[in-house]
Each structure stands twice: as C-alpha cells, then as structure tokens.
Amino acid sequence: MMRLKPSSKKLPDFVNSVTKTVKKPVRLFFQDEARFGKICQVRKVWLPKGERSVVEAQHIRQYLYAYSTMEPKTGESVSLILPYADTACMTLFLQELSERYPADEIVLVLDGAGWHRSGGLVVPANIRLVCLPPYSPQLNPVEQLWKGIRTRFFGNAYFETLDAVEAHLVKTLRWVEANTAWVKSFAYFPYIQHAI
C-alpha cells in the first residue's frame, strides 16, 4: 500500500502511473467508515422568540458502522452498513466496491486504520489502496460527507432501537447514492482536482 506524504504531489503521479499501466478506465475513490448509534446528537434549532425546544436524548452505547466511498469526479458513492469496524467487514466492503465496478481499475484512498493495513485484508484485483498521511482526516472528503449526513439527517433524532437507527441510515445512504451533486459538493478539494 502506498502512503501519501502531507506536502507531496504523489497522488496525481500514482493515478497517472496506474492509468498508463492498465488498459481499462481508472477511477479515484476515497473511503471512510463512521459509527452511528442510539446516542442522540442534540443540535441547535430556530424557534419563535419565547419558545423552547424539547429534544429527547439517550446515552445508550449501541452502534452500527457505515462504510462509504465516494468518487469526487462524478459524485458516485457506494455504502454498506456493517456491525463492526474490522478486517472482515472491510474485506466485505472492498468486495462490494469491486463488484459494482468490475470493468474499472479503482484507486482507493483511505486512512491508516488498523483494519485497512491488516495482513488479513483481502483486496480484490481491480482495487489499489493508497493510504493518507497519519492524523490528517481533513484530506479525506468522506469525513465531510459524514458531517453533512449527521447534520442533515441525524440532528435531534431519537431512536428507540438499533433497528430504527439502521432503517434511518439505510434510507439516508440511499438518498446520498442517488444525489451525486450533493456528494460532489463535499469532494472537490484542490489536491484532488490535480489528481483527476
């Protein structure tokens, strides 16, 4: 796995080298996972003067993990909801991504989580992994996508069960996959523009 340096221009060089060596389309995707659960995310709301909002809240620590990837150029995204953030689940996600784009070579940029670098991770033949520099979530546009999803779809939301969280997350991620322009709005960082 190739690791990017914070101030380098290695990503465009890497994408260009892959483009020259394979005889099929090359797509640049960014990947991350996020935890969603029953803990409420209380947000500010606008109300008429003198009124006060009431938001139900709970602090129950039950979670699901959403794995998602986005292509900045097109705004296309692929998401899966899985029970854990580990090597086995990451392998399932990579398999799903590979099956969605079987005719393409995928350059997948991700962070340095342990399950991304594990020896047990099975990477499909049409995916090449590129690891971001340590401690640099600001370089991954999927981090901004998570922020947008939490703000737009999960602010002040109360869920009785983990199944309710999952149902809401499924509906949200389907909306995200269908709205490529919204996804693109999070993704066009200057260093990414140079790599495309």
N, C-alpha and C. Protein backbone atom coordinates (compact mmCIF):
# COMPACT_ATOMS: atom_id res chain seq x y z
N MET A 1 0.84 -1.17 0.00
CA MET A 1 0.00 0.00 0.00
C MET A 1 0.89 1.23 0.00
N MET A 2 0.58 2.17 -0.85
CA MET A 2 1.35 3.40 -0.93
C MET A 2 0.85 4.39 0.11
N ARG A 3 1.77 5.11 0.78
CA ARG A 3 1.38 6.12 1.77
C ARG A 3 1.73 7.50 1.23
N LEU A 4 0.75 8.42 1.27
CA LEU A 4 0.97 9.79 0.82
C LEU A 4 1.68 10.59 1.89
N LYS A 5 2.54 11.49 1.51
CA LYS A 5 3.16 12.43 2.45
C LYS A 5 2.33 13.71 2.44
N PRO A 6 2.22 14.41 3.59
CA PRO A 6 1.32 15.57 3.68
C PRO A 6 1.55 16.64 2.62
N SER A 7 2.78 16.92 2.25
CA SER A 7 3.02 18.02 1.32
C SER A 7 3.40 17.55 -0.09
N SER A 8 3.25 16.28 -0.35
CA SER A 8 3.69 15.76 -1.64
C SER A 8 2.59 15.82 -2.69
N LYS A 9 2.98 15.58 -3.92
CA LYS A 9 2.02 15.51 -5.01
C LYS A 9 2.01 14.09 -5.57
N LYS A 10 2.12 13.12 -4.67
CA LYS A 10 2.22 11.73 -5.11
C LYS A 10 0.92 11.15 -5.63
N LEU A 11 -0.22 11.64 -5.17
CA LEU A 11 -1.48 11.07 -5.62
C LEU A 11 -1.68 11.24 -7.13
N PRO A 12 -1.49 12.45 -7.69
CA PRO A 12 -1.62 12.56 -9.16
C PRO A 12 -0.63 11.67 -9.91
N ASP A 13 0.60 11.58 -9.41
CA ASP A 13 1.60 10.72 -10.05
C ASP A 13 1.17 9.26 -10.01
N PHE A 14 0.64 8.83 -8.86
CA PHE A 14 0.21 7.45 -8.71
C PHE A 14 -0.97 7.15 -9.65
N VAL A 15 -1.95 8.03 -9.69
CA VAL A 15 -3.10 7.83 -10.58
C VAL A 15 -2.65 7.78 -12.04
N ASN A 16 -1.72 8.67 -12.41
CA ASN A 16 -1.19 8.66 -13.78
C ASN A 16 -0.45 7.37 -14.10
N SER A 17 0.32 6.87 -13.14
CA SER A 17 1.06 5.62 -13.39
C SER A 17 0.12 4.44 -13.54
N VAL A 18 -0.96 4.42 -12.75
CA VAL A 18 -1.95 3.35 -12.87
C VAL A 18 -2.64 3.45 -14.23
N THR A 19 -2.99 4.67 -14.64
CA THR A 19 -3.65 4.88 -15.93
C THR A 19 -2.80 4.38 -17.08
N LYS A 20 -1.48 4.56 -16.97
CA LYS A 20 -0.58 4.13 -18.04
C LYS A 20 -0.37 2.62 -18.07
N THR A 21 -0.51 1.96 -16.91
CA THR A 21 -0.20 0.53 -16.86
C THR A 21 -1.40 -0.38 -17.09
N VAL A 22 -2.62 0.12 -16.92
CA VAL A 22 -3.80 -0.74 -17.13
C VAL A 22 -4.52 -0.31 -18.39
N LYS A 23 -5.23 -1.25 -18.95
CA LYS A 23 -5.95 -0.98 -20.21
C LYS A 23 -7.45 -0.88 -19.97
N LYS A 24 -7.82 -0.28 -18.84
CA LYS A 24 -9.23 -0.06 -18.54
C LYS A 24 -9.38 1.26 -17.80
N PRO A 25 -10.58 1.78 -17.68
CA PRO A 25 -10.78 3.07 -17.01
C PRO A 25 -10.30 3.02 -15.55
N VAL A 26 -9.70 4.14 -15.10
CA VAL A 26 -9.23 4.25 -13.71
C VAL A 26 -10.13 5.24 -12.99
N ARG A 27 -10.61 4.83 -11.83
CA ARG A 27 -11.48 5.69 -11.02
C ARG A 27 -10.83 5.95 -9.68
N LEU A 28 -10.88 7.19 -9.23
CA LEU A 28 -10.31 7.59 -7.94
C LEU A 28 -11.43 7.72 -6.92
N PHE A 29 -11.39 6.89 -5.89
CA PHE A 29 -12.38 6.90 -4.82
C PHE A 29 -11.69 7.20 -3.49
N PHE A 30 -12.45 7.76 -2.55
CA PHE A 30 -12.00 7.96 -1.17
C PHE A 30 -12.94 7.18 -0.27
N GLN A 31 -12.39 6.59 0.81
CA GLN A 31 -13.19 5.71 1.66
C GLN A 31 -13.01 6.08 3.12
N ASP A 32 -14.07 5.87 3.89
CA ASP A 32 -14.00 6.01 5.34
C ASP A 32 -15.20 5.28 5.93
N GLU A 33 -15.15 5.06 7.23
CA GLU A 33 -16.28 4.46 7.91
C GLU A 33 -16.65 5.37 9.09
N ALA A 34 -17.92 5.29 9.49
CA ALA A 34 -18.41 6.10 10.60
C ALA A 34 -19.33 5.26 11.46
N ARG A 35 -19.37 5.62 12.73
CA ARG A 35 -20.20 4.90 13.70
C ARG A 35 -21.50 5.67 13.91
N PHE A 36 -22.62 4.97 13.82
CA PHE A 36 -23.93 5.55 14.07
C PHE A 36 -24.61 4.71 15.14
N GLY A 37 -25.23 5.37 16.10
CA GLY A 37 -25.85 4.61 17.18
C GLY A 37 -27.03 5.33 17.80
N LYS A 38 -27.40 4.86 18.98
CA LYS A 38 -28.57 5.39 19.67
C LYS A 38 -28.28 6.66 20.46
N ILE A 39 -27.02 7.03 20.62
CA ILE A 39 -26.71 8.27 21.33
C ILE A 39 -27.19 9.44 20.47
N CYS A 40 -27.98 10.31 21.05
CA CYS A 40 -28.57 11.43 20.31
C CYS A 40 -27.54 12.53 20.08
N GLN A 41 -27.67 13.20 18.96
CA GLN A 41 -26.82 14.34 18.62
C GLN A 41 -27.70 15.59 18.68
N VAL A 42 -27.66 16.25 19.82
CA VAL A 42 -28.50 17.44 20.02
C VAL A 42 -27.90 18.60 19.23
N ARG A 43 -28.74 19.25 18.44
CA ARG A 43 -28.33 20.37 17.60
C ARG A 43 -29.18 21.60 17.93
N LYS A 44 -28.66 22.76 17.59
CA LYS A 44 -29.41 24.00 17.75
C LYS A 44 -30.53 24.03 16.71
N VAL A 45 -31.65 24.65 17.09
CA VAL A 45 -32.77 24.80 16.17
C VAL A 45 -33.30 26.23 16.25
N TRP A 46 -33.94 26.69 15.18
CA TRP A 46 -34.57 28.01 15.15
C TRP A 46 -36.01 27.87 15.64
N LEU A 47 -36.38 28.75 16.56
CA LEU A 47 -37.76 28.77 17.07
C LEU A 47 -38.20 30.22 17.22
N PRO A 48 -39.53 30.44 17.23
CA PRO A 48 -40.01 31.81 17.50
C PRO A 48 -39.57 32.26 18.89
N LYS A 49 -39.37 33.55 19.04
CA LYS A 49 -38.91 34.12 20.30
C LYS A 49 -39.85 33.72 21.43
N GLY A 50 -39.27 33.30 22.52
CA GLY A 50 -40.04 32.91 23.69
C GLY A 50 -40.36 31.42 23.76
N GLU A 51 -40.16 30.68 22.69
CA GLU A 51 -40.41 29.23 22.69
C GLU A 51 -39.13 28.48 22.98
N ARG A 52 -39.28 27.30 23.53
CA ARG A 52 -38.13 26.47 23.86
C ARG A 52 -38.32 25.08 23.27
N SER A 53 -37.27 24.54 22.66
CA SER A 53 -37.40 23.21 22.04
C SER A 53 -37.19 22.12 23.07
N VAL A 54 -37.82 21.00 22.82
CA VAL A 54 -37.64 19.82 23.66
C VAL A 54 -37.16 18.70 22.73
N VAL A 55 -36.01 18.14 23.04
CA VAL A 55 -35.45 17.06 22.23
C VAL A 55 -35.17 15.87 23.15
N GLU A 56 -35.73 14.73 22.79
CA GLU A 56 -35.46 13.52 23.57
C GLU A 56 -34.00 13.13 23.39
N ALA A 57 -33.39 12.61 24.43
CA ALA A 57 -31.99 12.20 24.35
C ALA A 57 -31.78 10.93 25.16
N GLN A 58 -30.77 10.20 24.76
CA GLN A 58 -30.38 8.99 25.49
C GLN A 58 -28.89 8.75 25.28
N HIS A 59 -28.29 7.99 26.16
CA HIS A 59 -26.86 7.72 26.08
C HIS A 59 -26.60 6.21 26.11
N ILE A 60 -27.26 5.50 25.22
CA ILE A 60 -27.09 4.06 25.14
C ILE A 60 -26.05 3.77 24.06
N ARG A 61 -25.03 3.03 24.43
CA ARG A 61 -23.91 2.80 23.52
C ARG A 61 -24.09 1.51 22.71
N GLN A 62 -24.93 1.60 21.70
CA GLN A 62 -25.11 0.52 20.73
C GLN A 62 -24.87 1.15 19.36
N TYR A 63 -24.05 0.49 18.54
CA TYR A 63 -23.63 1.13 17.29
C TYR A 63 -23.69 0.19 16.10
N LEU A 64 -23.78 0.83 14.93
CA LEU A 64 -23.57 0.21 13.63
C LEU A 64 -22.48 1.02 12.94
N TYR A 65 -21.86 0.43 11.93
CA TYR A 65 -20.81 1.14 11.20
C TYR A 65 -21.20 1.27 9.74
N ALA A 66 -21.14 2.48 9.24
CA ALA A 66 -21.40 2.73 7.82
C ALA A 66 -20.06 2.86 7.12
N TYR A 67 -19.84 2.03 6.12
CA TYR A 67 -18.65 2.11 5.27
C TYR A 67 -19.10 2.82 4.01
N SER A 68 -18.35 3.81 3.60
CA SER A 68 -18.75 4.54 2.40
C SER A 68 -17.53 4.97 1.61
N THR A 69 -17.72 5.05 0.31
CA THR A 69 -16.68 5.54 -0.57
C THR A 69 -17.33 6.50 -1.57
N MET A 70 -16.56 7.50 -2.00
CA MET A 70 -17.09 8.46 -2.96
C MET A 70 -16.07 8.74 -4.04
N GLU A 71 -16.58 9.00 -5.24
CA GLU A 71 -15.72 9.41 -6.34
C GLU A 71 -15.93 10.91 -6.55
N PRO A 72 -14.92 11.72 -6.25
CA PRO A 72 -15.07 13.17 -6.35
C PRO A 72 -15.46 13.67 -7.74
N LYS A 73 -14.98 13.00 -8.76
CA LYS A 73 -15.24 13.45 -10.13
C LYS A 73 -16.72 13.37 -10.51
N THR A 74 -17.36 12.28 -10.12
CA THR A 74 -18.76 12.05 -10.53
C THR A 74 -19.76 12.22 -9.38
N GLY A 75 -19.29 12.13 -8.15
CA GLY A 75 -20.19 12.17 -7.00
C GLY A 75 -20.82 10.83 -6.69
N GLU A 76 -20.42 9.79 -7.42
CA GLU A 76 -20.95 8.46 -7.13
C GLU A 76 -20.43 7.97 -5.79
N SER A 77 -21.26 7.21 -5.09
CA SER A 77 -20.84 6.66 -3.81
C SER A 77 -21.37 5.24 -3.66
N VAL A 78 -20.67 4.48 -2.83
CA VAL A 78 -21.06 3.11 -2.50
C VAL A 78 -21.01 3.01 -0.99
N SER A 79 -22.06 2.47 -0.39
CA SER A 79 -22.10 2.37 1.07
C SER A 79 -22.62 1.01 1.51
N LEU A 80 -22.14 0.57 2.65
CA LEU A 80 -22.63 -0.64 3.30
C LEU A 80 -22.75 -0.36 4.79
N ILE A 81 -23.72 -0.97 5.42
CA ILE A 81 -23.86 -0.89 6.88
C ILE A 81 -23.46 -2.24 7.43
N LEU A 82 -22.47 -2.23 8.31
CA LEU A 82 -21.92 -3.47 8.86
C LEU A 82 -21.84 -3.38 10.38
N PRO A 83 -21.77 -4.52 11.07
CA PRO A 83 -21.82 -4.47 12.54
C PRO A 83 -20.52 -4.03 13.22
N TYR A 84 -19.39 -4.14 12.55
CA TYR A 84 -18.11 -3.83 13.19
C TYR A 84 -17.21 -3.03 12.26
N ALA A 85 -16.21 -2.42 12.83
CA ALA A 85 -15.13 -1.80 12.06
C ALA A 85 -13.92 -2.70 12.25
N ASP A 86 -13.76 -3.67 11.36
CA ASP A 86 -12.64 -4.61 11.47
C ASP A 86 -12.25 -5.13 10.08
N THR A 87 -11.26 -5.99 10.05
CA THR A 87 -10.72 -6.50 8.79
C THR A 87 -11.76 -7.28 7.99
N ALA A 88 -12.54 -8.11 8.65
CA ALA A 88 -13.54 -8.92 7.94
C ALA A 88 -14.59 -8.03 7.27
N CYS A 89 -15.06 -7.02 7.97
CA CYS A 89 -16.06 -6.11 7.39
C CYS A 89 -15.47 -5.27 6.27
N MET A 90 -14.20 -4.85 6.44
CA MET A 90 -13.55 -4.08 5.39
C MET A 90 -13.38 -4.93 4.13
N THR A 91 -13.07 -6.20 4.30
CA THR A 91 -12.96 -7.11 3.16
C THR A 91 -14.29 -7.22 2.43
N LEU A 92 -15.40 -7.34 3.18
CA LEU A 92 -16.73 -7.38 2.56
C LEU A 92 -17.01 -6.10 1.77
N PHE A 93 -16.63 -4.96 2.35
CA PHE A 93 -16.87 -3.68 1.67
C PHE A 93 -16.06 -3.58 0.38
N LEU A 94 -14.79 -3.98 0.42
CA LEU A 94 -13.96 -3.95 -0.79
C LEU A 94 -14.52 -4.86 -1.87
N GLN A 95 -15.04 -6.01 -1.47
CA GLN A 95 -15.65 -6.94 -2.42
C GLN A 95 -16.87 -6.30 -3.09
N GLU A 96 -17.70 -5.62 -2.29
CA GLU A 96 -18.88 -4.95 -2.84
C GLU A 96 -18.48 -3.86 -3.83
N LEU A 97 -17.47 -3.06 -3.47
CA LEU A 97 -16.99 -2.00 -4.35
C LEU A 97 -16.46 -2.58 -5.66
N SER A 98 -15.70 -3.66 -5.56
CA SER A 98 -15.15 -4.32 -6.74
C SER A 98 -16.26 -4.85 -7.65
N GLU A 99 -17.30 -5.42 -7.06
CA GLU A 99 -18.41 -5.97 -7.84
C GLU A 99 -19.24 -4.88 -8.51
N ARG A 100 -19.31 -3.70 -7.90
CA ARG A 100 -20.07 -2.60 -8.50
C ARG A 100 -19.37 -2.03 -9.73
N TYR A 101 -18.04 -2.09 -9.77
CA TYR A 101 -17.26 -1.54 -10.88
C TYR A 101 -16.27 -2.59 -11.41
N PRO A 102 -16.77 -3.71 -11.92
CA PRO A 102 -15.87 -4.79 -12.35
C PRO A 102 -15.00 -4.45 -13.55
N ALA A 103 -15.44 -3.52 -14.39
CA ALA A 103 -14.68 -3.19 -15.60
C ALA A 103 -13.67 -2.07 -15.38
N ASP A 104 -13.58 -1.55 -14.16
CA ASP A 104 -12.71 -0.41 -13.87
C ASP A 104 -11.59 -0.79 -12.90
N GLU A 105 -10.50 -0.05 -13.01
CA GLU A 105 -9.42 -0.13 -12.01
C GLU A 105 -9.70 0.98 -11.01
N ILE A 106 -9.71 0.63 -9.72
CA ILE A 106 -10.07 1.59 -8.68
C ILE A 106 -8.85 1.92 -7.83
N VAL A 107 -8.54 3.21 -7.74
CA VAL A 107 -7.54 3.70 -6.79
C VAL A 107 -8.34 4.18 -5.59
N LEU A 108 -8.17 3.51 -4.46
CA LEU A 108 -8.96 3.80 -3.26
C LEU A 108 -8.07 4.43 -2.20
N VAL A 109 -8.37 5.69 -1.87
CA VAL A 109 -7.60 6.43 -0.87
C VAL A 109 -8.33 6.30 0.46
N LEU A 110 -7.60 5.89 1.49
CA LEU A 110 -8.20 5.70 2.81
C LEU A 110 -7.24 6.08 3.91
N ASP A 111 -7.74 6.11 5.14
CA ASP A 111 -6.87 6.47 6.27
C ASP A 111 -6.07 5.24 6.73
N GLY A 112 -5.29 5.41 7.76
CA GLY A 112 -4.40 4.34 8.21
C GLY A 112 -4.94 3.48 9.32
N ALA A 113 -6.25 3.28 9.38
CA ALA A 113 -6.83 2.43 10.42
C ALA A 113 -6.21 1.04 10.35
N GLY A 114 -6.14 0.39 11.49
CA GLY A 114 -5.50 -0.93 11.57
C GLY A 114 -6.09 -1.95 10.63
N TRP A 115 -7.41 -1.94 10.47
CA TRP A 115 -8.05 -2.92 9.58
C TRP A 115 -7.84 -2.59 8.11
N HIS A 116 -7.37 -1.38 7.79
CA HIS A 116 -7.03 -1.05 6.40
C HIS A 116 -5.66 -1.60 6.02
N ARG A 117 -4.82 -1.84 7.02
CA ARG A 117 -3.44 -2.29 6.76
C ARG A 117 -3.20 -3.72 7.21
N SER A 118 -4.22 -4.38 7.67
CA SER A 118 -4.10 -5.72 8.22
C SER A 118 -3.63 -6.73 7.17
N GLY A 119 -2.82 -7.68 7.60
CA GLY A 119 -2.37 -8.75 6.71
C GLY A 119 -3.51 -9.65 6.26
N GLY A 120 -4.61 -9.66 7.03
CA GLY A 120 -5.76 -10.49 6.68
C GLY A 120 -6.73 -9.84 5.71
N LEU A 121 -6.48 -8.58 5.36
CA LEU A 121 -7.38 -7.87 4.45
C LEU A 121 -7.24 -8.44 3.04
N VAL A 122 -8.35 -8.83 2.44
CA VAL A 122 -8.36 -9.37 1.08
C VAL A 122 -8.77 -8.23 0.14
N VAL A 123 -7.82 -7.81 -0.70
CA VAL A 123 -8.07 -6.71 -1.64
C VAL A 123 -8.32 -7.30 -3.02
N PRO A 124 -9.48 -7.02 -3.62
CA PRO A 124 -9.76 -7.52 -4.97
C PRO A 124 -8.72 -7.03 -5.98
N ALA A 125 -8.59 -7.77 -7.07
CA ALA A 125 -7.55 -7.49 -8.06
C ALA A 125 -7.70 -6.13 -8.74
N ASN A 126 -8.92 -5.59 -8.81
CA ASN A 126 -9.11 -4.32 -9.51
C ASN A 126 -9.10 -3.10 -8.57
N ILE A 127 -8.63 -3.29 -7.34
CA ILE A 127 -8.54 -2.18 -6.37
C ILE A 127 -7.11 -2.01 -5.92
N ARG A 128 -6.64 -0.76 -5.93
CA ARG A 128 -5.31 -0.41 -5.41
C ARG A 128 -5.51 0.56 -4.25
N LEU A 129 -4.93 0.24 -3.11
CA LEU A 129 -5.09 1.06 -1.91
C LEU A 129 -3.98 2.09 -1.80
N VAL A 130 -4.37 3.32 -1.41
CA VAL A 130 -3.42 4.40 -1.14
C VAL A 130 -3.79 4.94 0.22
N CYS A 131 -2.82 4.97 1.12
CA CYS A 131 -3.07 5.40 2.49
C CYS A 131 -2.73 6.88 2.67
N LEU A 132 -3.63 7.62 3.30
CA LEU A 132 -3.38 9.03 3.61
C LEU A 132 -2.34 9.15 4.72
N PRO A 133 -1.72 10.32 4.86
CA PRO A 133 -0.76 10.52 5.96
C PRO A 133 -1.47 10.39 7.31
N PRO A 134 -0.73 10.00 8.35
CA PRO A 134 -1.35 9.88 9.67
C PRO A 134 -1.91 11.22 10.16
N TYR A 135 -2.97 11.14 10.96
CA TYR A 135 -3.56 12.31 11.61
C TYR A 135 -3.96 13.40 10.62
N SER A 136 -4.54 13.02 9.50
CA SER A 136 -4.95 14.01 8.50
C SER A 136 -6.35 13.73 7.96
N PRO A 137 -7.35 13.65 8.83
CA PRO A 137 -8.71 13.39 8.33
C PRO A 137 -9.22 14.50 7.42
N GLN A 138 -8.64 15.69 7.53
CA GLN A 138 -9.08 16.81 6.69
C GLN A 138 -8.79 16.57 5.22
N LEU A 139 -7.93 15.60 4.89
CA LEU A 139 -7.63 15.29 3.49
C LEU A 139 -8.63 14.33 2.86
N ASN A 140 -9.49 13.74 3.68
CA ASN A 140 -10.45 12.76 3.19
C ASN A 140 -11.83 13.39 3.07
N PRO A 141 -12.34 13.57 1.85
CA PRO A 141 -13.65 14.21 1.69
C PRO A 141 -14.81 13.42 2.29
N VAL A 142 -14.63 12.12 2.52
CA VAL A 142 -15.71 11.34 3.12
C VAL A 142 -15.96 11.80 4.56
N GLU A 143 -14.94 12.32 5.22
CA GLU A 143 -15.13 12.88 6.57
C GLU A 143 -16.14 14.03 6.52
N GLN A 144 -16.06 14.86 5.47
CA GLN A 144 -17.02 15.96 5.33
C GLN A 144 -18.41 15.42 4.98
N LEU A 145 -18.46 14.34 4.24
CA LEU A 145 -19.74 13.71 3.92
C LEU A 145 -20.42 13.24 5.20
N TRP A 146 -19.65 12.61 6.11
CA TRP A 146 -20.23 12.17 7.38
C TRP A 146 -20.79 13.35 8.15
N LYS A 147 -20.05 14.44 8.17
CA LYS A 147 -20.51 15.65 8.88
C LYS A 147 -21.83 16.14 8.28
N GLY A 148 -21.91 16.17 6.94
CA GLY A 148 -23.15 16.58 6.28
C GLY A 148 -24.31 15.65 6.58
N ILE A 149 -24.06 14.35 6.60
CA ILE A 149 -25.10 13.37 6.90
C ILE A 149 -25.59 13.53 8.34
N ARG A 150 -24.66 13.67 9.28
CA ARG A 150 -25.05 13.82 10.69
C ARG A 150 -25.87 15.09 10.90
N THR A 151 -25.47 16.18 10.25
CA THR A 151 -26.17 17.44 10.42
C THR A 151 -27.56 17.40 9.77
N ARG A 152 -27.62 16.92 8.55
CA ARG A 152 -28.87 16.96 7.79
C ARG A 152 -29.88 15.89 8.19
N PHE A 153 -29.40 14.69 8.53
CA PHE A 153 -30.30 13.57 8.73
C PHE A 153 -30.37 13.02 10.16
N PHE A 154 -29.39 13.33 10.99
CA PHE A 154 -29.37 12.73 12.32
C PHE A 154 -29.43 13.73 13.47
N GLY A 155 -29.43 15.03 13.16
CA GLY A 155 -29.52 16.04 14.22
C GLY A 155 -30.87 15.97 14.92
N ASN A 156 -30.85 15.92 16.25
CA ASN A 156 -32.04 15.88 17.10
C ASN A 156 -32.93 14.67 16.83
N ALA A 157 -32.36 13.61 16.29
CA ALA A 157 -33.13 12.39 16.01
C ALA A 157 -33.02 11.44 17.21
N TYR A 158 -34.13 10.86 17.58
CA TYR A 158 -34.19 9.92 18.70
C TYR A 158 -34.62 8.56 18.15
N PHE A 159 -33.89 7.52 18.52
CA PHE A 159 -34.18 6.17 18.03
C PHE A 159 -34.38 5.23 19.21
N GLU A 160 -35.51 4.53 19.20
CA GLU A 160 -35.82 3.58 20.29
C GLU A 160 -34.92 2.35 20.24
N THR A 161 -34.63 1.88 19.01
CA THR A 161 -33.87 0.64 18.87
C THR A 161 -32.75 0.82 17.85
N LEU A 162 -31.81 -0.10 17.87
CA LEU A 162 -30.73 -0.09 16.88
C LEU A 162 -31.29 -0.39 15.49
N ASP A 163 -32.36 -1.18 15.42
CA ASP A 163 -33.02 -1.44 14.13
C ASP A 163 -33.57 -0.14 13.54
N ALA A 164 -34.07 0.75 14.38
CA ALA A 164 -34.57 2.04 13.90
C ALA A 164 -33.42 2.90 13.37
N VAL A 165 -32.27 2.85 14.04
CA VAL A 165 -31.08 3.56 13.55
C VAL A 165 -30.70 3.02 12.18
N GLU A 166 -30.68 1.69 12.06
CA GLU A 166 -30.31 1.06 10.79
C GLU A 166 -31.28 1.44 9.67
N ALA A 167 -32.57 1.41 9.95
CA ALA A 167 -33.56 1.76 8.93
C ALA A 167 -33.37 3.20 8.46
N HIS A 168 -33.13 4.11 9.39
CA HIS A 168 -32.92 5.51 9.04
C HIS A 168 -31.62 5.68 8.25
N LEU A 169 -30.59 4.96 8.65
CA LEU A 169 -29.30 5.03 7.96
C LEU A 169 -29.40 4.48 6.54
N VAL A 170 -30.14 3.39 6.36
CA VAL A 170 -30.34 2.82 5.02
C VAL A 170 -31.02 3.84 4.12
N LYS A 171 -32.09 4.45 4.62
CA LYS A 171 -32.82 5.47 3.86
C LYS A 171 -31.90 6.65 3.51
N THR A 172 -31.10 7.07 4.47
CA THR A 172 -30.17 8.19 4.26
C THR A 172 -29.11 7.85 3.21
N LEU A 173 -28.49 6.69 3.32
CA LEU A 173 -27.42 6.33 2.39
C LEU A 173 -27.96 6.09 0.98
N ARG A 174 -29.19 5.62 0.86
CA ARG A 174 -29.81 5.51 -0.47
C ARG A 174 -30.01 6.89 -1.08
N TRP A 175 -30.45 7.85 -0.25
CA TRP A 175 -30.61 9.22 -0.72
C TRP A 175 -29.26 9.78 -1.18
N VAL A 176 -28.22 9.51 -0.40
CA VAL A 176 -26.87 10.00 -0.73
C VAL A 176 -26.41 9.41 -2.06
N GLU A 177 -26.59 8.12 -2.25
CA GLU A 177 -26.17 7.48 -3.51
C GLU A 177 -26.93 8.04 -4.70
N ALA A 178 -28.17 8.46 -4.51
CA ALA A 178 -28.98 9.00 -5.61
C ALA A 178 -28.68 10.47 -5.89
N ASN A 179 -28.08 11.18 -4.97
CA ASN A 179 -27.84 12.62 -5.11
C ASN A 179 -26.35 12.91 -5.27
N THR A 180 -25.86 12.66 -6.46
CA THR A 180 -24.43 12.79 -6.73
C THR A 180 -23.93 14.24 -6.63
N ALA A 181 -24.77 15.20 -6.97
CA ALA A 181 -24.35 16.61 -6.88
C ALA A 181 -24.09 17.00 -5.44
N TRP A 182 -24.91 16.50 -4.52
CA TRP A 182 -24.70 16.78 -3.09
C TRP A 182 -23.39 16.17 -2.63
N VAL A 183 -23.11 14.95 -3.05
CA VAL A 183 -21.86 14.27 -2.68
C VAL A 183 -20.66 15.03 -3.24
N LYS A 184 -20.75 15.46 -4.51
CA LYS A 184 -19.66 16.20 -5.13
C LYS A 184 -19.33 17.49 -4.39
N SER A 185 -20.32 18.09 -3.77
CA SER A 185 -20.09 19.36 -3.07
C SER A 185 -19.13 19.20 -1.90
N PHE A 186 -18.96 18.00 -1.40
CA PHE A 186 -18.04 17.75 -0.30
C PHE A 186 -16.65 17.33 -0.79
N ALA A 187 -16.52 17.06 -2.07
CA ALA A 187 -15.37 16.30 -2.53
C ALA A 187 -14.32 17.03 -3.33
N TYR A 188 -14.60 18.20 -3.85
CA TYR A 188 -13.64 18.78 -4.78
C TYR A 188 -12.57 19.61 -4.09
N PHE A 189 -11.67 18.95 -3.37
CA PHE A 189 -10.53 19.61 -2.74
C PHE A 189 -9.49 19.90 -3.82
N PRO A 190 -8.70 20.97 -3.68
CA PRO A 190 -7.70 21.30 -4.71
C PRO A 190 -6.73 20.16 -5.01
N TYR A 191 -6.25 19.46 -4.00
CA TYR A 191 -5.29 18.38 -4.29
C TYR A 191 -5.95 17.22 -5.03
N ILE A 192 -7.25 17.07 -4.86
CA ILE A 192 -7.97 16.02 -5.59
C ILE A 192 -8.15 16.43 -7.04
N GLN A 193 -8.44 17.71 -7.28
CA GLN A 193 -8.63 18.21 -8.64
C GLN A 193 -7.38 17.93 -9.49
N HIS A 194 -6.20 18.05 -8.88
CA HIS A 194 -4.96 17.80 -9.60
C HIS A 194 -4.76 16.31 -9.92
N ALA A 195 -5.37 15.47 -9.11
CA ALA A 195 -5.19 14.02 -9.31
C ALA A 195 -6.14 13.45 -10.34
N ILE A 196 -7.21 14.15 -10.65
CA ILE A 196 -8.23 13.62 -11.56
C ILE A 196 -7.84 13.90 -13.01
